[in-house]
Amino acid sequence: MKKIYYLKTCSTCVRILKELNLPSDFVLQDIKTEEITVKQLEEMKALTGSYEALFSKRSKLYKEMDLKNQKLEERDYKQYILEHYTFLSRPVIIICDKVFVGNSKAVVEAAKAIIHTK
């Protein structure tokens, strides 16, 4: 599978997609207009090892809900991601059995290296 979960209204996601110079066999899913399903989230979790790894602690809602002062467990991370798309750290890039989460330069460079060798 070659898929990217992103937000088309996020300028960082848009910039990263351009930078990746994707081949045509990638499937893009705008998580605002096409919600993440339980199955999709479970597939991402299987690749990352935890829901926390997929969770964005930089989300505006994370701060508004004061979640940093709560003890969150895996089921909580899963629930929040399914309830509101902004809790997913993005983009999430899946290439076969590899997953790249977030927008750090190192993550984007690693994804780019894999994309252009497959």
C-alpha atoms as a PDB file:
ATOM      1  CA  MET A   1       0.000   0.000   0.000  1.00  0.00           C
ATOM      2  CA  LYS A   2       1.162   3.497  -0.820  1.00  0.00           C
ATOM      3  CA  LYS A   3      -1.007   6.011   0.973  1.00  0.00           C
ATOM      4  CA  ILE A   4      -0.789   9.407   2.591  1.00  0.00           C
ATOM      5  CA  TYR A   5      -3.184  10.743   5.198  1.00  0.00           C
ATOM      6  CA  TYR A   6      -2.996  14.513   5.161  1.00  0.00           C
ATOM      7  CA  LEU A   7      -4.979  17.713   5.497  1.00  0.00           C
ATOM      8  CA  LYS A   8      -5.316  19.742   2.304  1.00  0.00           C
ATOM      9  CA  THR A   9      -5.966  22.925   4.307  1.00  0.00           C
ATOM     10  CA  CYS A  10      -2.622  22.496   6.101  1.00  0.00           C
ATOM     11  CA  SER A  11       0.103  24.459   4.339  1.00  0.00           C
ATOM     12  CA  THR A  12       2.795  22.201   5.834  1.00  0.00           C
ATOM     13  CA  CYS A  13       1.123  19.069   4.428  1.00  0.00           C
ATOM     14  CA  VAL A  14       0.736  20.703   1.012  1.00  0.00           C
ATOM     15  CA  ARG A  15       4.404  21.769   1.020  1.00  0.00           C
ATOM     16  CA  ILE A  16       5.539  18.258   1.997  1.00  0.00           C
ATOM     17  CA  LEU A  17       3.430  16.624  -0.728  1.00  0.00           C
ATOM     18  CA  LYS A  18       5.057  18.888  -3.325  1.00  0.00           C
ATOM     19  CA  GLU A  19       8.496  18.176  -1.903  1.00  0.00           C
ATOM     20  CA  LEU A  20       7.929  14.398  -2.038  1.00  0.00           C
ATOM     21  CA  ASN A  21       7.261  14.512  -5.786  1.00  0.00           C
ATOM     22  CA  LEU A  22       4.959  11.499  -5.529  1.00  0.00           C
ATOM     23  CA  PRO A  23       4.575   8.842  -8.205  1.00  0.00           C
ATOM     24  CA  SER A  24       1.027   8.357  -9.510  1.00  0.00           C
ATOM     25  CA  ASP A  25       0.461   5.108  -7.585  1.00  0.00           C
ATOM     26  CA  PHE A  26       0.012   6.917  -4.241  1.00  0.00           C
ATOM     27  CA  VAL A  27      -3.464   7.292  -2.747  1.00  0.00           C
ATOM     28  CA  LEU A  28      -4.076  10.580  -0.927  1.00  0.00           C
ATOM     29  CA  GLN A  29      -6.735  10.866   1.754  1.00  0.00           C
ATOM     30  CA  ASP A  30      -7.746  14.281   3.034  1.00  0.00           C
ATOM     31  CA  ILE A  31      -8.697  13.411   6.617  1.00  0.00           C
ATOM     32  CA  LYS A  32     -11.054  16.372   6.917  1.00  0.00           C
ATOM     33  CA  THR A  33     -13.309  15.386   4.021  1.00  0.00           C
ATOM     34  CA  GLU A  34     -12.830  11.603   4.289  1.00  0.00           C
ATOM     35  CA  GLU A  35     -12.715  10.594   7.940  1.00  0.00           C
ATOM     36  CA  ILE A  36     -10.279   7.973   9.163  1.00  0.00           C
ATOM     37  CA  THR A  37     -11.984   4.660   9.784  1.00  0.00           C
ATOM     38  CA  VAL A  38     -11.345   2.405  12.769  1.00  0.00           C
ATOM     39  CA  LYS A  39      -9.757  -0.133  10.397  1.00  0.00           C
ATOM     40  CA  GLN A  40      -7.418   2.478   8.878  1.00  0.00           C
ATOM     41  CA  LEU A  41      -6.363   3.708  12.312  1.00  0.00           C
ATOM     42  CA  GLU A  42      -5.741   0.143  13.478  1.00  0.00           C
ATOM     43  CA  GLU A  43      -3.585  -0.476  10.381  1.00  0.00           C
ATOM     44  CA  MET A  44      -1.543   2.649  11.187  1.00  0.00           C
ATOM     45  CA  LYS A  45      -1.200   1.525  14.815  1.00  0.00           C
ATOM     46  CA  ALA A  46       0.035  -1.894  13.687  1.00  0.00           C
ATOM     47  CA  LEU A  47       2.856  -0.145  11.802  1.00  0.00           C
ATOM     48  CA  THR A  48       3.779   2.393  14.490  1.00  0.00           C
ATOM     49  CA  GLY A  49       3.224   0.195  17.540  1.00  0.00           C
ATOM     50  CA  SER A  50       0.981   2.658  19.395  1.00  0.00           C
ATOM     51  CA  TYR A  51      -1.805   5.173  18.998  1.00  0.00           C
ATOM     52  CA  GLU A  52       0.276   7.677  20.937  1.00  0.00           C
ATOM     53  CA  ALA A  53       2.839   7.670  18.110  1.00  0.00           C
ATOM     54  CA  LEU A  54       0.062   8.853  15.779  1.00  0.00           C
ATOM     55  CA  PHE A  55      -1.298  11.474  18.173  1.00  0.00           C
ATOM     56  CA  SER A  56      -0.519  15.156  17.730  1.00  0.00           C
ATOM     57  CA  LYS A  57       0.268  16.924  20.969  1.00  0.00           C
ATOM     58  CA  ARG A  58       0.603  20.150  18.985  1.00  0.00           C
ATOM     59  CA  SER A  59      -3.094  20.167  18.113  1.00  0.00           C
ATOM     60  CA  LYS A  60      -5.047  23.259  19.100  1.00  0.00           C
ATOM     61  CA  LEU A  61      -7.707  21.029  20.680  1.00  0.00           C
ATOM     62  CA  TYR A  62      -5.044  19.259  22.747  1.00  0.00           C
ATOM     63  CA  LYS A  63      -4.232  22.567  24.389  1.00  0.00           C
ATOM     64  CA  GLU A  64      -7.851  23.742  24.632  1.00  0.00           C
ATOM     65  CA  MET A  65      -8.958  20.509  26.317  1.00  0.00           C
ATOM     66  CA  ASP A  66      -5.937  20.634  28.662  1.00  0.00           C
ATOM     67  CA  LEU A  67      -5.075  17.043  27.744  1.00  0.00           C
ATOM     68  CA  LYS A  68      -1.428  17.431  28.738  1.00  0.00           C
ATOM     69  CA  ASN A  69      -2.548  17.460  32.370  1.00  0.00           C
ATOM     70  CA  GLN A  70      -4.508  14.233  32.005  1.00  0.00           C
ATOM     71  CA  LYS A  71      -3.145  10.713  32.060  1.00  0.00           C
ATOM     72  CA  LEU A  72      -4.003   9.444  28.604  1.00  0.00           C
ATOM     73  CA  GLU A  73      -3.902   5.750  27.726  1.00  0.00           C
ATOM     74  CA  GLU A  74      -3.787   4.038  24.337  1.00  0.00           C
ATOM     75  CA  ARG A  75      -7.590   3.777  24.154  1.00  0.00           C
ATOM     76  CA  ASP A  76      -7.837   7.526  24.831  1.00  0.00           C
ATOM     77  CA  TYR A  77      -5.440   8.376  21.995  1.00  0.00           C
ATOM     78  CA  LYS A  78      -7.435   6.121  19.657  1.00  0.00           C
ATOM     79  CA  GLN A  79     -10.738   7.674  20.717  1.00  0.00           C
ATOM     80  CA  TYR A  80      -9.521  11.260  20.277  1.00  0.00           C
ATOM     81  CA  ILE A  81      -8.025  10.572  16.829  1.00  0.00           C
ATOM     82  CA  LEU A  82     -11.292   8.990  15.688  1.00  0.00           C
ATOM     83  CA  GLU A  83     -13.367  11.821  17.165  1.00  0.00           C
ATOM     84  CA  HIS A  84     -11.461  14.676  15.557  1.00  0.00           C
ATOM     85  CA  TYR A  85      -9.035  14.648  12.630  1.00  0.00           C
ATOM     86  CA  THR A  86      -6.755  17.312  14.130  1.00  0.00           C
ATOM     87  CA  PHE A  87      -5.498  14.807  16.698  1.00  0.00           C
ATOM     88  CA  LEU A  88      -3.738  12.795  13.977  1.00  0.00           C
ATOM     89  CA  SER A  89      -0.134  13.834  13.591  1.00  0.00           C
ATOM     90  CA  ARG A  90       0.260  14.492   9.916  1.00  0.00           C
ATOM     91  CA  PRO A  91       1.069  13.650   7.338  1.00  0.00           C
ATOM     92  CA  VAL A  92       1.066   9.879   7.807  1.00  0.00           C
ATOM     93  CA  ILE A  93       2.906   8.309   4.900  1.00  0.00           C
ATOM     94  CA  ILE A  94       2.568   4.559   4.402  1.00  0.00           C
ATOM     95  CA  ILE A  95       4.786   2.757   1.923  1.00  0.00           C
ATOM     96  CA  CYS A  96       4.241  -1.013   2.008  1.00  0.00           C
ATOM     97  CA  ASP A  97       5.144  -1.963   5.594  1.00  0.00           C
ATOM     98  CA  LYS A  98       6.885   1.310   6.478  1.00  0.00           C
ATOM     99  CA  VAL A  99       5.224   4.302   8.082  1.00  0.00           C
ATOM    100  CA  PHE A 100       6.398   7.888   8.449  1.00  0.00           C
ATOM    101  CA  VAL A 101       4.490  10.111  10.874  1.00  0.00           C
ATOM    102  CA  GLY A 102       4.725  13.856  11.190  1.00  0.00           C
ATOM    103  CA  ASN A 103       6.418  16.706   9.437  1.00  0.00           C
ATOM    104  CA  SER A 104       9.915  16.818  10.866  1.00  0.00           C
ATOM    105  CA  LYS A 105      12.678  17.242   8.317  1.00  0.00           C
ATOM    106  CA  ALA A 106      14.176  13.836   9.218  1.00  0.00           C
ATOM    107  CA  VAL A 107      10.837  12.054   8.736  1.00  0.00           C
ATOM    108  CA  VAL A 108      10.205  13.741   5.389  1.00  0.00           C
ATOM    109  CA  GLU A 109      13.732  12.989   4.137  1.00  0.00           C
ATOM    110  CA  ALA A 110      13.424   9.320   5.180  1.00  0.00           C
ATOM    111  CA  ALA A 111      10.083   9.026   3.385  1.00  0.00           C
ATOM    112  CA  LYS A 112      11.493  10.717   0.294  1.00  0.00           C
ATOM    113  CA  ALA A 113      14.409   8.266   0.200  1.00  0.00           C
ATOM    114  CA  ILE A 114      12.064   5.263   0.334  1.00  0.00           C
ATOM    115  CA  ILE A 115       9.581   6.707  -2.188  1.00  0.00           C
ATOM    116  CA  HIS A 116      12.240   7.203  -4.816  1.00  0.00           C
ATOM    117  CA  THR A 117      13.894   3.798  -4.393  1.00  0.00           C
ATOM    118  CA  LYS A 118      10.703   1.687  -4.677  1.00  0.00           C
END
